[in-house]
Amino acid sequence: MTTNPKPHVLFLFSDTGGGHRSAAEAIIEAIEHEFGDAISTEMVDFFKQHTPLPLNRLPQWYPYMVKAPSLWGASFHISDGRARARAITATLWPAVSRIARSIVNAHPSDMIVSVHPLANSFILKALGKHNRPPFVTVVTDMVTTHALWFDQRADLICVPTDIARFRGIEYGMEPENVVTVGQPIAARYCAPVGDKAELRQKLGWPVDKFTVVLVGGGEGMGPLAQTARAINEAGLDLSLVVVAGRNERLKHSLESYAWKIPAKIYGFTRDLPDFMRAADVLITKAGPGTIAEALNAHLPIILYAKLPGQEDGNVTYVRETGTGVWAPTAQRVIATLKTWIEKPETREKVVKACKKAARPDSSRMIARLIGEKLGMQVIQEE
């Protein structure tokens, strides 16, 4: 606990995947919107800031670790399950107890919010049973949620889907402590869709072309280049926007490619919300944050890659909600694009499904739940 005049909330995350940081930032942004400066916040990357070598390098190694997807998926499933999660935390506790206690002691707070599964049980054990701040877990995996997300000692667990909620209850969580709120995303992704033609003109894109945005996450992951080149050779009447993220080598390679169709190549960009609102289709790997952002833009999704384990359920979610398709080969991507171009009514059905599934208020709902736990009143009313 702190002695500050206003409550202080500690957010625990790690850059092992871009979604954890962006979720924490989105919730903090929403807290500022709902409560002004009445609540102070702090973000801590517990791997980078508090673990010794080599663990503090995990955020840097993550993009390379997931390049062995079958091994990653196997490790996910081998470690999943309530009994296995308990065994893992019990086995590792002697080695990490000092680290967990140092995090708690170095960052006194009136509430702890975890957006990473590896922070939950260890920090809760370090806090002890008495006179501890409330602990809130925000699950950032949509469907295939690892058991490490769920610890019965947490005061509140916010989940993105009802499927994730049922999974938490199966793991022994009290139903009233597990709340479906949607995926926390930044406010800039939650603005009204607007006029596509105006946005395209502002961005310098062809105004009247069927427009496809192809992304591979912040690191430009997935078979992005192969897919882009296959679309180029497919003879479809469309324009293509490729976001290579921080992968500069990939960006330069695509910029020098001999394009037959109108193509725009970008590196890491903050304009992705406008890209989504201006596009007709998004082609992406099955990251939960990107899926939620596309839904808020009412943008049909083609999933062309996934990380085995936590992203398996995202594919199921998109297919079952009718918000997109799973197309793990370039041929299936092109076949879907061809259908949506030639039969626009089929794409419109997907647009309607995206509108239905969108949760633009997710971050603000989480912020209000946090404020409620702290006994705060919302000061920014609608």
Protein backbone atom coordinates (compact mmCIF):
# COMPACT_ATOMS: atom_id res chain seq x y z
CA MET A 1 0.00 0.00 0.00
CA THR A 2 1.08 3.61 -0.50
CA THR A 3 0.72 6.80 1.50
CA ASN A 4 0.10 8.92 -1.61
CA PRO A 5 -2.87 11.32 -1.53
CA LYS A 6 -4.30 9.60 -4.60
CA PRO A 7 -4.41 5.87 -5.34
CA HIS A 8 -1.50 4.40 -7.28
CA VAL A 9 -1.99 1.47 -9.69
CA LEU A 10 0.92 -0.74 -10.74
CA PHE A 11 0.63 -2.44 -14.15
CA LEU A 12 2.75 -5.56 -14.63
CA PHE A 13 3.51 -6.54 -18.22
CA SER A 14 6.32 -7.84 -20.39
CA ASP A 15 7.24 -7.22 -24.02
CA THR A 16 7.02 -10.92 -24.80
CA GLY A 17 4.61 -10.12 -27.59
CA GLY A 18 3.29 -6.65 -28.33
CA GLY A 19 -0.18 -7.25 -26.94
CA HIS A 20 0.70 -7.04 -23.25
CA ARG A 21 2.20 -3.55 -23.38
CA SER A 22 -0.54 -2.20 -25.65
CA ALA A 23 -3.25 -3.61 -23.36
CA ALA A 24 -1.73 -1.90 -20.32
CA GLU A 25 -1.37 1.38 -22.22
CA ALA A 26 -4.98 1.20 -23.41
CA ILE A 27 -6.28 0.68 -19.87
CA ILE A 28 -4.15 3.53 -18.51
CA GLU A 29 -5.45 5.79 -21.29
CA ALA A 30 -9.01 4.84 -20.31
CA ILE A 31 -8.31 5.48 -16.61
CA GLU A 32 -7.14 8.99 -17.52
CA HIS A 33 -10.30 9.51 -19.56
CA GLU A 34 -12.62 8.26 -16.82
CA PHE A 35 -10.88 9.68 -13.75
CA GLY A 36 -8.63 12.49 -14.99
CA ASP A 37 -5.51 12.70 -12.84
CA ALA A 38 -7.23 11.32 -9.74
CA ILE A 39 -5.40 7.97 -10.13
CA SER A 40 -1.67 7.62 -10.71
CA THR A 41 -0.33 4.69 -12.74
CA GLU A 42 2.98 2.96 -13.36
CA MET A 43 4.04 0.30 -15.88
CA VAL A 44 6.73 -2.26 -15.01
CA ASP A 45 8.20 -4.83 -17.40
CA PHE A 46 8.93 -7.41 -14.75
CA PHE A 47 11.26 -9.48 -16.96
CA LYS A 48 13.33 -6.58 -18.27
CA GLN A 49 13.45 -4.53 -15.07
CA HIS A 50 13.63 -7.12 -12.29
CA THR A 51 15.07 -10.44 -13.47
CA PRO A 52 18.77 -11.28 -13.82
CA LEU A 53 20.52 -12.50 -16.94
CA PRO A 54 19.42 -14.30 -19.05
CA LEU A 55 15.74 -13.87 -18.09
CA ASN A 56 15.84 -10.11 -18.57
CA ARG A 57 16.58 -10.73 -22.26
CA LEU A 58 13.37 -12.68 -22.85
CA PRO A 59 11.52 -9.69 -24.38
CA GLN A 60 14.34 -9.34 -26.93
CA TRP A 61 14.40 -13.06 -27.66
CA TYR A 62 10.64 -13.46 -28.03
CA PRO A 63 10.49 -12.71 -31.81
CA TYR A 64 13.08 -15.44 -32.38
CA MET A 65 11.48 -17.93 -29.97
CA VAL A 66 8.17 -17.89 -31.82
CA LYS A 67 9.92 -18.71 -35.09
CA ALA A 68 9.79 -22.32 -33.85
CA PRO A 69 5.97 -22.46 -33.72
CA SER A 70 5.61 -26.23 -33.23
CA LEU A 71 7.96 -26.14 -30.23
CA TRP A 72 6.14 -23.09 -28.84
CA GLY A 73 2.76 -24.78 -29.23
CA ALA A 74 4.00 -27.97 -27.59
CA SER A 75 5.35 -26.06 -24.59
CA PHE A 76 2.02 -24.22 -24.26
CA HIS A 77 -0.06 -27.38 -24.18
CA ILE A 78 2.37 -29.35 -22.00
CA SER A 79 2.29 -26.63 -19.33
CA ASP A 80 -1.46 -25.87 -19.54
CA GLY A 81 -3.99 -27.23 -17.05
CA ARG A 82 -4.77 -26.29 -13.46
CA ALA A 83 -2.67 -29.01 -11.81
CA ARG A 84 0.29 -28.44 -14.13
CA ALA A 85 0.16 -24.67 -13.61
CA ARG A 86 0.22 -25.19 -9.83
CA ALA A 87 3.14 -27.60 -10.15
CA ILE A 88 5.06 -25.11 -12.29
CA THR A 89 4.59 -22.21 -9.87
CA ALA A 90 5.40 -24.39 -6.83
CA THR A 91 8.56 -25.72 -8.47
CA LEU A 92 9.77 -22.29 -9.58
CA TRP A 93 8.84 -20.40 -6.39
CA PRO A 94 12.17 -20.99 -4.55
CA ALA A 95 14.02 -19.57 -7.56
CA VAL A 96 11.75 -16.56 -8.18
CA SER A 97 10.52 -15.67 -4.69
CA ARG A 98 13.23 -13.05 -4.15
CA ILE A 99 12.44 -11.45 -7.53
CA ALA A 100 8.69 -11.40 -6.87
CA ARG A 101 9.16 -9.82 -3.45
CA SER A 102 11.57 -7.24 -4.87
CA ILE A 103 8.93 -6.17 -7.42
CA VAL A 104 6.32 -5.75 -4.68
CA ASN A 105 8.72 -3.85 -2.40
CA ALA A 106 10.16 -1.63 -5.14
CA HIS A 107 6.75 -0.53 -6.42
CA PRO A 108 4.33 0.11 -3.54
CA SER A 109 0.82 0.49 -4.86
CA ASP A 110 -2.85 0.60 -3.94
CA MET A 111 -3.71 -1.89 -6.68
CA ILE A 112 -1.80 -4.25 -8.96
CA VAL A 113 -3.06 -4.98 -12.48
CA SER A 114 -1.42 -7.86 -14.33
CA VAL A 115 -1.70 -8.21 -18.10
CA HIS A 116 0.73 -11.14 -18.32
CA PRO A 117 0.08 -14.74 -17.19
CA LEU A 118 3.54 -15.22 -15.66
CA ALA A 119 3.06 -12.36 -13.19
CA ASN A 120 -0.07 -13.59 -11.47
CA SER A 121 0.66 -16.47 -9.10
CA PHE A 122 4.18 -15.38 -8.19
CA ILE A 123 3.20 -11.81 -7.32
CA LEU A 124 0.10 -12.92 -5.44
CA LYS A 125 2.21 -15.29 -3.35
CA ALA A 126 4.75 -12.54 -2.69
CA LEU A 127 1.97 -10.21 -1.52
CA GLY A 128 0.80 -12.65 1.13
CA LYS A 129 -2.72 -13.02 2.48
CA HIS A 130 -3.14 -9.98 4.71
CA ASN A 131 -3.11 -6.22 4.21
CA ARG A 132 -2.34 -6.47 0.52
CA PRO A 133 -3.60 -4.26 -2.32
CA PRO A 134 -6.35 -5.57 -4.61
CA PHE A 135 -5.03 -7.66 -7.51
CA VAL A 136 -6.71 -7.50 -10.94
CA THR A 137 -5.84 -9.75 -13.86
CA VAL A 138 -6.65 -8.62 -17.39
CA VAL A 139 -6.49 -11.63 -19.70
CA THR A 140 -5.20 -10.66 -23.15
CA ASP A 141 -5.75 -14.02 -24.88
CA MET A 142 -9.19 -14.29 -26.45
CA VAL A 143 -10.10 -17.97 -26.21
CA THR A 144 -7.19 -20.35 -25.64
CA THR A 145 -6.30 -18.97 -22.23
CA HIS A 146 -3.47 -20.71 -20.39
CA ALA A 147 -4.19 -21.85 -16.82
CA LEU A 148 -1.51 -19.46 -15.54
CA TRP A 149 -3.93 -16.60 -16.25
CA PHE A 150 -6.26 -17.82 -13.52
CA ASP A 151 -5.38 -17.68 -9.82
CA GLN A 152 -8.13 -17.90 -7.21
CA ARG A 153 -6.42 -15.27 -5.06
CA ALA A 154 -7.05 -12.55 -7.67
CA ASP A 155 -9.78 -10.10 -6.66
CA LEU A 156 -11.02 -9.62 -10.23
CA ILE A 157 -10.27 -11.25 -13.57
CA CYS A 158 -11.30 -9.40 -16.74
CA VAL A 159 -11.57 -11.60 -19.84
CA PRO A 160 -12.19 -10.75 -23.50
CA THR A 161 -14.78 -13.40 -24.37
CA ASP A 162 -17.42 -15.55 -22.71
CA ILE A 163 -15.43 -18.62 -23.77
CA ALA A 164 -12.47 -17.35 -21.75
CA ARG A 165 -14.79 -16.72 -18.80
CA PHE A 166 -16.12 -20.27 -18.88
CA ARG A 167 -12.55 -21.54 -19.03
CA GLY A 168 -11.66 -19.50 -15.93
CA ILE A 169 -14.66 -20.89 -14.05
CA GLU A 170 -13.62 -24.42 -15.06
CA TYR A 171 -10.25 -23.67 -13.46
CA GLY A 172 -12.00 -22.93 -10.16
CA MET A 173 -12.48 -19.17 -10.29
CA GLU A 174 -15.54 -17.76 -8.54
CA PRO A 175 -18.01 -16.80 -11.31
CA GLU A 176 -18.65 -13.34 -9.82
CA ASN A 177 -14.92 -12.57 -9.97
CA VAL A 178 -14.58 -13.29 -13.71
CA VAL A 179 -16.08 -10.58 -15.92
CA THR A 180 -16.33 -10.51 -19.73
CA VAL A 181 -15.31 -7.07 -20.93
CA GLY A 182 -13.73 -7.55 -24.35
CA GLN A 183 -10.14 -6.91 -25.45
CA PRO A 184 -8.56 -3.67 -24.17
CA ILE A 185 -7.43 -1.54 -27.11
CA ALA A 186 -6.43 2.09 -27.53
CA ALA A 187 -9.10 4.75 -28.01
CA ARG A 188 -7.78 5.65 -31.46
CA TYR A 189 -9.08 2.24 -32.67
CA CYS A 190 -12.54 2.95 -31.25
CA ALA A 191 -13.43 6.08 -33.23
CA PRO A 192 -16.39 5.98 -35.65
CA VAL A 193 -15.57 4.26 -38.93
CA GLY A 194 -16.03 7.42 -41.02
CA ASP A 195 -15.88 7.78 -44.81
CA LYS A 196 -13.50 5.37 -46.57
CA ALA A 197 -13.05 7.58 -49.65
CA GLU A 198 -12.03 10.59 -47.56
CA LEU A 199 -9.59 8.51 -45.52
CA ARG A 200 -8.02 7.00 -48.64
CA GLN A 201 -7.59 10.43 -50.17
CA LYS A 202 -5.90 11.66 -47.00
CA LEU A 203 -3.59 8.64 -46.99
CA GLY A 204 -2.74 8.96 -50.68
CA TRP A 205 -4.34 5.64 -51.60
CA PRO A 206 -6.45 4.90 -54.71
CA VAL A 207 -9.94 6.04 -53.75
CA ASP A 208 -12.09 3.68 -55.84
CA LYS A 209 -10.07 0.44 -55.62
CA PHE A 210 -10.95 -2.54 -53.43
CA THR A 211 -8.29 -2.08 -50.76
CA VAL A 212 -6.48 -4.79 -48.81
CA VAL A 213 -4.28 -4.14 -45.77
CA LEU A 214 -1.73 -6.88 -45.01
CA VAL A 215 0.02 -6.80 -41.62
CA GLY A 216 2.34 -9.08 -39.69
CA GLY A 217 2.35 -7.44 -36.26
CA GLY A 218 4.91 -5.02 -34.89
CA GLU A 219 7.78 -7.31 -35.87
CA GLY A 220 6.51 -8.07 -39.39
CA MET A 221 5.97 -11.74 -38.51
CA GLY A 222 4.24 -14.47 -40.50
CA PRO A 223 4.44 -15.30 -44.25
CA LEU A 224 3.89 -11.66 -45.10
CA ALA A 225 6.21 -11.28 -48.11
CA GLN A 226 5.08 -14.52 -49.77
CA THR A 227 1.43 -13.55 -49.34
CA ALA A 228 1.98 -10.04 -50.71
CA ARG A 229 3.77 -11.38 -53.81
CA ALA A 230 1.08 -13.99 -54.42
CA ILE A 231 -1.62 -11.29 -54.28
CA ASN A 232 0.41 -9.23 -56.74
CA GLU A 233 0.48 -12.12 -59.22
CA ALA A 234 -3.19 -13.11 -58.79
CA GLY A 235 -4.63 -10.70 -61.36
CA LEU A 236 -7.18 -9.24 -58.93
CA ASP A 237 -8.46 -5.69 -59.28
CA LEU A 238 -7.33 -4.26 -55.95
CA SER A 239 -4.79 -2.07 -54.22
CA LEU A 240 -2.52 -3.47 -51.53
CA VAL A 241 -1.16 -1.86 -48.38
CA VAL A 242 1.60 -3.80 -46.61
CA VAL A 243 2.71 -2.98 -43.05
CA ALA A 244 6.11 -4.57 -42.39
CA GLY A 245 6.37 -3.28 -38.82
CA ARG A 246 9.88 -2.94 -37.40
CA ASN A 247 11.27 -5.42 -39.93
CA GLU A 248 13.33 -2.94 -41.96
CA ARG A 249 14.88 -5.64 -44.13
CA LEU A 250 11.43 -6.84 -45.16
CA LYS A 251 10.26 -3.28 -45.80
CA HIS A 252 13.20 -2.53 -48.12
CA SER A 253 12.70 -5.83 -49.95
CA LEU A 254 9.04 -5.07 -50.62
CA GLU A 255 9.76 -1.48 -51.65
CA SER A 256 12.14 -2.71 -54.35
CA TYR A 257 9.70 -5.33 -55.66
CA ALA A 258 8.21 -4.91 -59.16
CA TRP A 259 4.54 -4.41 -58.30
CA LYS A 260 1.84 -4.98 -60.93
CA ILE A 261 -0.91 -3.55 -58.69
CA PRO A 262 -1.06 -0.28 -56.74
CA ALA A 263 0.96 -1.02 -53.59
CA LYS A 264 1.98 1.03 -50.55
CA ILE A 265 4.66 -0.27 -48.21
CA TYR A 266 4.98 0.95 -44.62
CA GLY A 267 7.22 0.15 -41.69
CA PHE A 268 6.09 0.59 -38.11
CA THR A 269 3.23 3.11 -38.12
CA ARG A 270 0.86 4.78 -35.72
CA ASP A 271 -1.67 5.25 -38.54
CA LEU A 272 -3.00 1.68 -38.45
CA PRO A 273 -6.40 2.80 -37.06
CA ASP A 274 -6.94 4.94 -40.17
CA PHE A 275 -5.60 2.13 -42.37
CA MET A 276 -8.23 -0.22 -40.95
CA ARG A 277 -11.06 2.26 -41.34
CA ALA A 278 -10.00 2.97 -44.95
CA ALA A 279 -9.62 -0.68 -46.01
CA ASP A 280 -12.05 -3.31 -47.28
CA VAL A 281 -10.17 -6.33 -45.89
CA LEU A 282 -7.47 -7.00 -43.31
CA ILE A 283 -5.04 -9.90 -43.74
CA THR A 284 -3.24 -10.61 -40.48
CA LYS A 285 -1.83 -13.23 -38.16
CA ALA A 286 -4.21 -14.24 -35.40
CA GLY A 287 -3.12 -11.79 -32.70
CA PRO A 288 -5.97 -10.92 -30.31
CA GLY A 289 -5.34 -7.17 -30.25
CA THR A 290 -5.32 -6.84 -34.03
CA ILE A 291 -8.51 -8.90 -34.29
CA ALA A 292 -10.27 -6.65 -31.76
CA GLU A 293 -9.03 -3.53 -33.57
CA ALA A 294 -10.37 -4.84 -36.88
CA LEU A 295 -13.76 -5.63 -35.36
CA ASN A 296 -14.08 -2.05 -34.12
CA ALA A 297 -13.32 -0.84 -37.66
CA HIS A 298 -16.02 -3.23 -38.99
CA LEU A 299 -13.26 -4.73 -41.14
CA PRO A 300 -13.50 -8.34 -42.42
CA ILE A 301 -10.50 -10.44 -41.43
CA ILE A 302 -8.45 -13.03 -43.28
CA LEU A 303 -6.21 -14.87 -40.82
CA TYR A 304 -3.19 -16.23 -42.66
CA ALA A 305 -0.97 -17.30 -39.76
CA LYS A 306 -1.20 -18.11 -36.07
CA LEU A 307 1.05 -18.90 -33.13
CA PRO A 308 0.15 -22.41 -31.93
CA GLY A 309 -1.17 -22.43 -28.39
CA GLN A 310 -2.70 -19.15 -27.33
CA GLU A 311 -3.73 -18.08 -30.87
CA ASP A 312 -5.47 -21.35 -31.84
CA GLY A 313 -8.73 -20.23 -30.25
CA ASN A 314 -8.58 -16.85 -31.99
CA VAL A 315 -8.99 -18.61 -35.32
CA THR A 316 -11.99 -20.51 -33.96
CA TYR A 317 -13.49 -17.28 -32.62
CA VAL A 318 -13.19 -15.44 -35.94
CA ARG A 319 -14.69 -18.34 -37.87
CA GLU A 320 -17.55 -18.99 -35.44
CA THR A 321 -18.53 -15.31 -35.17
CA GLY A 322 -18.49 -14.97 -38.96
CA THR A 323 -16.05 -12.04 -38.72
CA GLY A 324 -13.51 -13.57 -41.08
CA VAL A 325 -11.89 -16.70 -42.45
CA TRP A 326 -8.86 -18.88 -41.79
CA ALA A 327 -6.67 -19.00 -44.92
CA PRO A 328 -3.26 -20.48 -44.04
CA THR A 329 -2.03 -20.60 -47.65
CA ALA A 330 -1.65 -17.86 -50.24
CA GLN A 331 -4.04 -19.73 -52.53
CA ARG A 332 -6.80 -19.62 -49.90
CA VAL A 333 -6.14 -15.93 -49.22
CA ILE A 334 -6.52 -15.17 -52.92
CA ALA A 335 -9.64 -17.33 -53.25
CA THR A 336 -11.29 -15.41 -50.39
CA LEU A 337 -10.34 -12.04 -51.87
CA LYS A 338 -11.69 -13.12 -55.27
CA THR A 339 -15.03 -14.13 -53.72
CA TRP A 340 -15.35 -10.91 -51.72
CA ILE A 341 -14.51 -8.75 -54.75
CA GLU A 342 -16.80 -10.57 -57.19
CA LYS A 343 -19.64 -11.12 -54.69
CA PRO A 344 -19.69 -8.00 -52.50
CA GLU A 345 -22.78 -9.22 -50.65
CA THR A 346 -20.68 -12.02 -49.10
CA ARG A 347 -18.24 -9.48 -47.67
CA GLU A 348 -21.10 -7.31 -46.42
CA LYS A 349 -22.33 -10.22 -44.28
CA VAL A 350 -18.91 -10.32 -42.65
CA VAL A 351 -18.98 -6.54 -42.12
CA LYS A 352 -22.28 -6.91 -40.23
CA ALA A 353 -20.81 -9.70 -38.10
CA CYS A 354 -17.83 -7.46 -37.25
CA LYS A 355 -20.19 -4.68 -36.15
CA LYS A 356 -22.03 -7.13 -33.91
CA ALA A 357 -18.82 -8.50 -32.33
CA ALA A 358 -17.11 -5.12 -31.80
CA ARG A 359 -16.45 -4.02 -28.19
CA PRO A 360 -15.24 -0.40 -28.45
CA ASP A 361 -15.92 0.24 -24.75
CA SER A 362 -13.69 -2.56 -23.42
CA SER A 363 -10.83 -0.44 -22.06
CA ARG A 364 -13.22 1.99 -20.40
CA MET A 365 -15.16 -0.86 -18.79
CA ILE A 366 -11.92 -2.19 -17.30
CA ALA A 367 -10.98 1.32 -16.13
CA ARG A 368 -14.34 1.71 -14.38
CA LEU A 369 -13.99 -1.69 -12.69
CA ILE A 370 -10.55 -0.64 -11.44
CA GLY A 371 -11.96 2.65 -10.18
CA GLU A 372 -14.80 0.82 -8.45
CA LYS A 373 -12.31 -1.42 -6.63
CA LEU A 374 -10.47 1.72 -5.52
CA GLY A 375 -13.68 3.42 -4.39
CA MET A 376 -13.39 6.13 -7.04
CA GLN A 377 -16.16 8.00 -8.84
CA VAL A 378 -16.04 8.53 -12.60
CA ILE A 379 -15.47 12.22 -13.28
CA GLN A 380 -15.73 12.16 -17.07
CA GLU A 381 -19.38 11.42 -17.70
CA GLU A 382 -20.79 10.88 -21.19
